[in-house]
């Protein structure tokens, strides 16, 4: 298979790279040194790979970023005299993953080129084929404007119910200051999102998964930092990168968030297919939820938001009264069982595993059936409706779509 290569470099460097590319399967379609014309040249020549080299690191980084973002079908490959960790890290932050030393010999370079081309061709084919298969990557963010309402409990139990449907599920604990999903599930939390981003500024899926713990249910968990001080060193762009990379691998990413509207949470909102807003039934929580809902409504599409009562108690106000007070429809509610909740915490096992026949577990099953549209029929056999939340519009107060 022929590999078409465009060279971006100063004249002398370009000639040197050209001499290294002499092979029957490689065709150099052009050489250019003007960054203002490189995108047009790519459009004209349609190269498979673009070799990028420059004595100016800033110019090299700008060109890499332009190609990576604006000409994704042409894969940038950096070849540089300064082949060190600092340069490699800076290049990788632009999204470019292929970096080679200028000192490479011709045979090794040709082998590398053919390998890169084969890998990227397979990736492009896979991306094109995703539209023809029932591939449904969903990002579900669980959020509340008040602590203690049960967000982490919702995250863990819902994740397990989806995993029991033979879905590939990952939990991302992005409560950067006080996240405790790993502890609640009794998982090794030595490797967390903090360690991941300290050691890899632009990680791919394979790297991220090395920092995830595996629960007995089959769920992968990326734990929150072990100390609140690490939160300041994690940026929204890094969070967006993790979500973007992992959603190509998992059927469901379920994100636990902190209370409030920090930049990390806002990034999670933007990336979400579904935002589960968790509320309680006491007056203080309802007051906080009403304020928070007005903010969330201004940030994301209304269709994304689903209001969940996580601790429904028959002795308190009715769910319909909660809906009226908040002026927002209640999507689902989970009955509160204090005994089961304590046993779950003490055993380190989510309720749906500790008491699979309980009313609480059945409520999570109902939610999972509604979220996982493709398995709705299975839920109906159990007498639990699967309404397909991603394929219907929210009804208004009159019941009209």
Protein backbone atom coordinates (compact mmCIF):
# COMPACT_ATOMS: atom_id res chain seq x y z
CA UNK A 1 0.00 0.00 0.00
CA UNK A 2 1.37 3.40 -1.00
CA UNK A 3 1.94 5.95 1.75
CA UNK A 4 1.69 9.61 0.69
CA UNK A 5 3.91 11.96 2.70
CA UNK A 6 4.08 15.77 2.84
CA UNK A 7 7.12 17.42 4.43
CA UNK A 8 6.92 20.63 6.48
CA UNK A 9 10.44 21.85 7.23
CA UNK A 10 13.13 24.38 6.38
CA UNK A 11 14.74 23.68 2.97
CA UNK A 12 17.90 21.90 4.16
CA UNK A 13 16.02 19.82 6.74
CA UNK A 14 13.37 18.99 4.17
CA UNK A 15 16.00 17.64 1.78
CA UNK A 16 17.46 15.52 4.56
CA UNK A 17 14.06 14.04 5.41
CA UNK A 18 13.35 13.46 1.71
CA UNK A 19 16.55 11.41 1.39
CA UNK A 20 15.43 9.20 4.27
CA UNK A 21 12.08 8.49 2.64
CA UNK A 22 13.33 6.70 -0.44
CA UNK A 23 11.22 3.55 -0.65
CA UNK A 24 8.99 1.95 -3.26
CA UNK A 25 5.94 2.20 -0.96
CA UNK A 26 6.43 5.86 0.04
CA UNK A 27 5.61 8.82 -2.20
CA UNK A 28 6.57 12.35 -1.16
CA UNK A 29 3.80 14.58 -2.51
CA UNK A 30 5.41 17.89 -1.64
CA UNK A 31 7.49 19.99 0.71
CA UNK A 32 6.59 23.32 2.32
CA UNK A 33 8.02 25.66 4.96
CA UNK A 34 5.32 28.37 5.21
CA UNK A 35 2.95 27.68 8.11
CA UNK A 36 0.32 29.95 6.52
CA UNK A 37 0.10 27.68 3.49
CA UNK A 38 0.48 24.25 5.06
CA UNK A 39 -3.27 23.61 5.44
CA UNK A 40 -3.93 24.53 1.80
CA UNK A 41 -1.09 22.25 0.72
CA UNK A 42 -2.62 19.38 2.68
CA UNK A 43 -6.00 20.02 1.03
CA UNK A 44 -4.36 19.91 -2.41
CA UNK A 45 -2.11 16.86 -1.93
CA UNK A 46 -4.17 14.81 0.59
CA UNK A 47 -1.16 13.19 2.28
CA UNK A 48 -1.53 10.25 4.65
CA UNK A 49 1.26 11.58 6.87
CA UNK A 50 2.75 15.04 7.33
CA UNK A 51 6.35 15.12 8.56
CA UNK A 52 6.80 18.25 10.69
CA UNK A 53 10.21 19.60 11.65
CA UNK A 54 11.41 23.05 12.70
CA UNK A 55 14.24 24.65 14.64
CA UNK A 56 11.58 26.87 16.27
CA UNK A 57 9.67 24.84 18.86
CA UNK A 58 6.83 27.38 18.89
CA UNK A 59 6.41 27.11 15.11
CA UNK A 60 6.53 23.32 15.30
CA UNK A 61 3.84 23.25 17.99
CA UNK A 62 1.58 25.67 16.09
CA UNK A 63 1.77 23.63 12.89
CA UNK A 64 1.14 20.38 14.78
CA UNK A 65 -1.93 21.81 16.44
CA UNK A 66 -3.31 23.19 13.17
CA UNK A 67 -2.95 19.87 11.38
CA UNK A 68 -4.26 17.81 14.28
CA UNK A 69 -7.40 19.95 14.69
CA UNK A 70 -8.13 21.10 11.14
CA UNK A 71 -6.84 18.28 8.92
CA UNK A 72 -7.49 15.15 11.00
CA UNK A 73 -7.24 12.82 7.99
CA UNK A 74 -3.54 13.68 7.58
CA UNK A 75 -1.53 12.37 10.51
CA UNK A 76 1.28 14.65 11.80
CA UNK A 77 4.62 12.98 12.56
CA UNK A 78 7.25 15.14 14.27
CA UNK A 79 10.91 14.52 13.50
CA UNK A 80 13.28 16.60 15.62
CA UNK A 81 16.94 17.10 16.48
CA UNK A 82 16.00 17.86 20.11
CA UNK A 83 14.53 14.51 21.11
CA UNK A 84 14.03 14.84 24.87
CA UNK A 85 11.23 14.55 27.44
CA UNK A 86 10.49 18.27 27.46
CA UNK A 87 9.96 18.42 23.67
CA UNK A 88 8.00 15.16 23.65
CA UNK A 89 5.63 16.42 26.38
CA UNK A 90 5.03 19.73 24.59
CA UNK A 91 4.32 18.01 21.27
CA UNK A 92 1.95 15.50 22.86
CA UNK A 93 -0.04 18.34 24.41
CA UNK A 94 -1.00 19.42 20.88
CA UNK A 95 -2.60 15.99 20.34
CA UNK A 96 0.25 14.58 18.20
CA UNK A 97 1.52 11.18 19.34
CA UNK A 98 4.18 10.28 16.78
CA UNK A 99 7.59 11.82 17.55
CA UNK A 100 10.85 10.56 16.05
CA UNK A 101 14.50 11.61 16.43
CA UNK A 102 16.25 13.11 13.41
CA UNK A 103 19.09 10.67 14.04
CA UNK A 104 16.90 7.70 13.03
CA UNK A 105 18.32 5.56 10.22
CA UNK A 106 16.47 5.17 6.91
CA UNK A 107 15.41 1.54 7.41
CA UNK A 108 13.98 2.18 10.86
CA UNK A 109 12.18 5.32 9.66
CA UNK A 110 10.57 3.52 6.72
CA UNK A 111 9.40 0.72 9.03
CA UNK A 112 7.96 3.31 11.45
CA UNK A 113 6.12 5.11 8.65
CA UNK A 114 4.47 1.93 7.40
CA UNK A 115 3.47 0.97 10.94
CA UNK A 116 1.98 4.42 11.67
CA UNK A 117 0.08 4.37 8.39
CA UNK A 118 -1.32 0.88 9.06
CA UNK A 119 -2.43 1.82 12.58
CA UNK A 120 -4.07 5.08 11.55
CA UNK A 121 -5.79 3.51 8.52
CA UNK A 122 -7.33 0.87 10.80
CA UNK A 123 -8.45 3.60 13.21
CA UNK A 124 -10.12 5.63 10.44
CA UNK A 125 -11.94 2.53 9.19
CA UNK A 126 -13.16 1.77 12.71
CA UNK A 127 -14.43 5.33 13.14
CA UNK A 128 -16.29 5.19 9.82
CA UNK A 129 -17.91 1.89 10.73
CA UNK A 130 -19.26 3.12 14.05
CA UNK A 131 -22.21 4.70 12.23
CA UNK A 132 -23.23 1.27 10.95
CA UNK A 133 -23.30 -0.56 14.28
CA UNK A 134 -25.34 -0.23 17.44
CA UNK A 135 -22.55 1.62 19.24
CA UNK A 136 -23.88 3.76 22.03
CA UNK A 137 -21.33 5.49 24.15
CA UNK A 138 -23.17 7.54 26.78
CA UNK A 139 -21.69 9.90 29.35
CA UNK A 140 -23.83 10.16 32.48
CA UNK A 141 -22.97 12.86 35.02
CA UNK A 142 -24.44 12.64 38.51
CA UNK A 143 -24.64 15.98 40.29
CA UNK A 144 -26.21 17.74 43.24
CA UNK A 145 -26.08 21.27 44.61
CA UNK A 146 -26.02 19.95 48.19
CA UNK A 147 -23.80 17.35 49.80
CA UNK A 148 -25.05 14.22 51.53
CA UNK A 149 -27.96 13.47 49.19
CA UNK A 150 -26.42 10.25 47.83
CA UNK A 151 -24.69 11.06 44.52
CA UNK A 152 -21.90 8.51 45.02
CA UNK A 153 -24.46 5.87 46.00
CA UNK A 154 -26.38 6.55 42.80
CA UNK A 155 -23.18 6.35 40.76
CA UNK A 156 -22.02 3.01 42.14
CA UNK A 157 -25.38 1.23 42.13
CA UNK A 158 -26.41 2.46 38.68
CA UNK A 159 -23.01 1.48 37.26
CA UNK A 160 -23.37 -2.05 38.58
CA UNK A 161 -26.88 -2.44 37.18
CA UNK A 162 -25.66 -1.35 33.76
CA UNK A 163 -22.67 -3.68 34.01
CA UNK A 164 -25.03 -6.55 34.82
CA UNK A 165 -26.57 -5.93 31.41
CA UNK A 166 -23.20 -6.90 29.91
CA UNK A 167 -22.27 -3.30 29.16
CA UNK A 168 -18.73 -1.94 29.42
CA UNK A 169 -19.00 0.59 32.25
CA UNK A 170 -16.49 2.94 33.85
CA UNK A 171 -16.86 5.25 36.84
CA UNK A 172 -14.90 8.51 36.80
CA UNK A 173 -14.72 10.03 40.27
CA UNK A 174 -14.25 13.71 39.48
CA UNK A 175 -15.09 14.97 42.95
CA UNK A 176 -11.51 16.18 43.09
CA UNK A 177 -11.46 17.22 46.72
CA UNK A 178 -13.57 14.66 48.57
CA UNK A 179 -14.32 11.82 46.15
CA UNK A 180 -14.69 8.46 47.86
CA UNK A 181 -16.05 6.05 45.24
CA UNK A 182 -12.92 3.88 45.35
CA UNK A 183 -13.13 3.62 49.14
CA UNK A 184 -16.86 2.91 49.11
CA UNK A 185 -16.24 0.02 46.70
CA UNK A 186 -13.15 -1.12 48.67
CA UNK A 187 -10.80 -0.63 45.75
CA UNK A 188 -7.10 0.11 45.72
CA UNK A 189 -6.91 3.88 45.35
CA UNK A 190 -3.14 4.37 45.11
CA UNK A 191 -3.44 5.20 41.41
CA UNK A 192 -5.87 8.07 40.90
CA UNK A 193 -6.64 10.75 38.32
CA UNK A 194 -4.01 12.90 40.05
CA UNK A 195 -1.20 10.39 39.49
CA UNK A 196 -2.41 9.81 35.93
CA UNK A 197 -2.20 13.49 34.99
CA UNK A 198 1.04 14.10 36.85
CA UNK A 199 2.76 11.38 34.84
CA UNK A 200 0.90 11.71 31.51
CA UNK A 201 -0.29 15.12 30.32
CA UNK A 202 -2.03 13.76 27.23
CA UNK A 203 -2.88 10.09 27.94
CA UNK A 204 -4.51 7.65 25.55
CA UNK A 205 -7.08 5.00 26.51
CA UNK A 206 -4.52 2.29 27.24
CA UNK A 207 -2.58 4.58 29.57
CA UNK A 208 -5.70 5.75 31.42
CA UNK A 209 -6.91 2.19 31.96
CA UNK A 210 -3.64 1.32 33.71
CA UNK A 211 -4.63 3.80 36.42
CA UNK A 212 -8.14 2.37 36.84
CA UNK A 213 -9.13 -0.21 39.44
CA UNK A 214 -11.35 -3.14 38.51
CA UNK A 215 -14.33 -3.94 40.72
CA UNK A 216 -15.65 -7.50 41.11
CA UNK A 217 -18.69 -6.45 39.05
CA UNK A 218 -16.41 -5.75 36.08
CA UNK A 219 -16.63 -1.97 36.39
CA UNK A 220 -13.45 0.07 35.89
CA UNK A 221 -13.00 2.96 38.34
CA UNK A 222 -10.74 6.01 37.98
CA UNK A 223 -10.44 7.24 41.54
CA UNK A 224 -10.45 10.82 42.81
CA UNK A 225 -7.21 12.34 44.18
CA UNK A 226 -6.17 11.06 47.59
CA UNK A 227 -5.80 14.62 48.90
CA UNK A 228 -7.78 17.83 48.19
CA UNK A 229 -4.58 19.74 47.42
CA UNK A 230 -4.25 17.96 44.07
CA UNK A 231 -7.51 19.46 42.80
CA UNK A 232 -5.87 22.78 41.84
CA UNK A 233 -3.50 21.01 39.45
CA UNK A 234 -6.21 19.36 37.34
CA UNK A 235 -7.60 21.43 34.48
CA UNK A 236 -10.94 21.18 32.66
CA UNK A 237 -9.12 20.47 29.38
CA UNK A 238 -7.47 17.41 30.94
CA UNK A 239 -10.86 16.17 32.14
CA UNK A 240 -12.33 16.69 28.68
CA UNK A 241 -9.45 14.70 27.21
CA UNK A 242 -10.06 11.74 29.56
CA UNK A 243 -13.78 11.68 28.79
CA UNK A 244 -13.23 12.00 25.05
CA UNK A 245 -10.66 9.19 24.96
CA UNK A 246 -12.56 6.76 27.18
CA UNK A 247 -15.95 7.15 25.52
CA UNK A 248 -14.57 5.34 22.47
CA UNK A 249 -13.93 2.29 24.67
CA UNK A 250 -16.85 2.07 27.12
CA UNK A 251 -20.60 1.86 26.58
CA UNK A 252 -21.21 4.04 29.64
CA UNK A 253 -19.06 6.55 31.50
CA UNK A 254 -20.66 7.49 34.81
CA UNK A 255 -19.18 10.58 36.44
CA UNK A 256 -19.38 11.47 40.11
CA UNK A 257 -18.96 15.20 40.72
CA UNK A 258 -18.41 17.60 43.58
CA UNK A 259 -21.02 20.03 44.87
CA UNK A 260 -21.07 23.35 43.03
CA UNK A 261 -20.33 24.81 39.63
CA UNK A 262 -16.56 24.64 39.30
CA UNK A 263 -14.84 24.40 35.92
CA UNK A 264 -14.38 20.63 36.10
CA UNK A 265 -18.09 20.13 36.70
CA UNK A 266 -18.97 22.46 33.83
CA UNK A 267 -16.75 20.42 31.51
CA UNK A 268 -18.55 17.26 32.61
CA UNK A 269 -21.93 18.90 31.96
CA UNK A 270 -20.88 19.81 28.42
CA UNK A 271 -19.68 16.28 27.65
CA UNK A 272 -22.73 14.56 29.10
CA UNK A 273 -25.46 12.70 27.27
CA UNK A 274 -27.48 12.72 30.50
CA UNK A 275 -27.24 14.83 33.65
CA UNK A 276 -28.84 13.16 36.67
CA UNK A 277 -29.59 15.91 39.18
CA UNK A 278 -29.93 14.32 42.62
CA UNK A 279 -32.11 15.84 45.34
CA UNK A 280 -33.40 14.91 48.75
CA UNK A 281 -36.84 15.66 50.24
CA UNK A 282 -35.97 17.91 53.19
CA UNK A 283 -36.62 21.63 52.89
CA UNK A 284 -32.97 22.71 53.00
CA UNK A 285 -32.07 20.37 50.14
CA UNK A 286 -35.13 21.36 48.10
CA UNK A 287 -34.22 25.02 48.49
CA UNK A 288 -30.68 24.33 47.30
CA UNK A 289 -31.93 22.16 44.42
CA UNK A 290 -34.30 24.85 43.18
CA UNK A 291 -31.46 27.37 43.02
CA UNK A 292 -29.14 24.87 41.37
CA UNK A 293 -31.68 23.77 38.77
CA UNK A 294 -32.09 27.32 37.52
CA UNK A 295 -28.32 27.52 36.98
CA UNK A 296 -28.04 24.10 35.32
CA UNK A 297 -30.96 24.96 33.03
CA UNK A 298 -29.01 27.95 31.78
CA UNK A 299 -25.90 25.84 31.11
CA UNK A 300 -27.16 22.68 29.38
CA UNK A 301 -30.08 21.59 27.21
CA UNK A 302 -33.19 20.94 29.28
CA UNK A 303 -33.59 17.50 27.65
CA UNK A 304 -30.31 16.36 29.24
CA UNK A 305 -31.47 17.01 32.80
CA UNK A 306 -33.31 14.34 34.78
CA UNK A 307 -34.28 14.97 38.40
CA UNK A 308 -33.83 12.04 40.77
CA UNK A 309 -35.04 11.77 44.37
CA UNK A 310 -32.35 9.57 45.91
CA UNK A 311 -33.87 9.00 49.35
CA UNK A 312 -37.65 8.78 49.11
CA UNK A 313 -39.19 8.45 52.57
CA UNK A 314 -42.91 7.80 52.93
CA UNK A 315 -43.01 9.81 56.15
CA UNK A 316 -41.91 12.95 54.32
CA UNK A 317 -43.65 14.94 51.62
CA UNK A 318 -44.84 13.11 48.51
CA UNK A 319 -42.74 12.96 45.37
CA UNK A 320 -45.41 14.87 43.42
CA UNK A 321 -45.18 17.65 46.00
CA UNK A 322 -41.42 17.78 45.49
CA UNK A 323 -42.00 18.18 41.75
CA UNK A 324 -44.45 21.02 42.33
CA UNK A 325 -42.12 22.77 44.77
CA UNK A 326 -39.21 22.59 42.32
CA UNK A 327 -41.39 23.30 39.25
CA UNK A 328 -39.59 20.45 37.52
CA UNK A 329 -40.75 16.89 36.75
CA UNK A 330 -39.35 14.07 38.86
CA UNK A 331 -37.78 11.43 36.63
CA UNK A 332 -37.30 8.63 39.17
CA UNK A 333 -37.11 8.08 42.91
CA UNK A 334 -35.21 5.60 45.06
CA UNK A 335 -36.75 4.38 48.33
CA UNK A 336 -34.63 4.99 51.41
CA UNK A 337 -33.73 2.01 53.60
CA UNK A 338 -31.46 3.08 56.46
CA UNK A 339 -30.58 -0.49 57.48
CA UNK A 340 -29.55 -1.48 53.97
CA UNK A 341 -27.60 1.75 53.56
CA UNK A 342 -25.57 1.10 56.73
CA UNK A 343 -24.91 -2.53 55.80
CA UNK A 344 -23.75 -1.45 52.37
CA UNK A 345 -21.32 1.11 53.81
CA UNK A 346 -19.95 -1.31 56.42
CA UNK A 347 -19.52 -4.16 53.93
CA UNK A 348 -18.16 -1.99 51.14
CA UNK A 349 -20.69 -3.53 48.74
CA UNK A 350 -23.28 -1.46 46.85
CA UNK A 351 -26.89 -2.22 47.78
CA UNK A 352 -27.72 -3.78 44.41
CA UNK A 353 -25.10 -6.46 45.16
CA UNK A 354 -25.70 -6.77 48.89
CA UNK A 355 -29.53 -6.97 48.59
CA UNK A 356 -30.42 -7.65 44.93
CA UNK A 357 -34.11 -8.37 45.68
CA UNK A 358 -34.74 -5.22 47.72
CA UNK A 359 -36.99 -2.36 46.64
CA UNK A 360 -33.89 -0.18 46.35
CA UNK A 361 -32.28 -2.62 43.93
CA UNK A 362 -35.46 -2.83 41.85
CA UNK A 363 -35.56 0.97 41.62
CA UNK A 364 -32.02 1.00 40.23
CA UNK A 365 -32.97 -1.78 37.81
CA UNK A 366 -35.82 0.37 36.52
CA UNK A 367 -33.46 3.30 35.99
CA UNK A 368 -30.90 1.11 34.23
CA UNK A 369 -33.58 -0.31 31.93
CA UNK A 370 -34.70 3.16 30.97
CA UNK A 371 -31.17 4.32 30.28
CA UNK A 372 -30.11 1.21 28.40
CA UNK A 373 -32.64 1.37 25.56
CA UNK A 374 -31.33 -1.66 23.70
CA UNK A 375 -32.15 -3.90 26.64
CA UNK A 376 -35.60 -2.51 27.36
CA UNK A 377 -37.39 -5.70 26.29
CA UNK A 378 -35.55 -7.67 28.97
CA UNK A 379 -36.80 -5.25 31.57
CA UNK A 380 -40.39 -5.60 30.37
CA UNK A 381 -40.21 -9.36 30.91
CA UNK A 382 -39.48 -8.60 34.55
CA UNK A 383 -42.41 -6.21 34.72
CA UNK A 384 -40.10 -3.20 34.74
CA UNK A 385 -40.71 -0.76 31.86
CA UNK A 386 -37.83 0.41 29.71
CA UNK A 387 -38.85 3.77 28.31
CA UNK A 388 -35.70 4.64 26.40
CA UNK A 389 -34.63 7.95 27.88
CA UNK A 390 -32.30 8.79 25.00
CA UNK A 391 -34.98 8.34 22.35
CA UNK A 392 -37.86 10.39 23.71
CA UNK A 393 -38.59 13.98 24.62
CA UNK A 394 -39.49 15.13 28.09
CA UNK A 395 -43.18 15.74 28.54
CA UNK A 396 -44.50 18.98 29.82
CA UNK A 397 -46.95 19.37 32.69
CA UNK A 398 -49.85 18.52 30.38
CA UNK A 399 -48.18 15.30 29.31
CA UNK A 400 -47.47 16.58 25.80
CA UNK A 401 -44.11 15.96 24.10
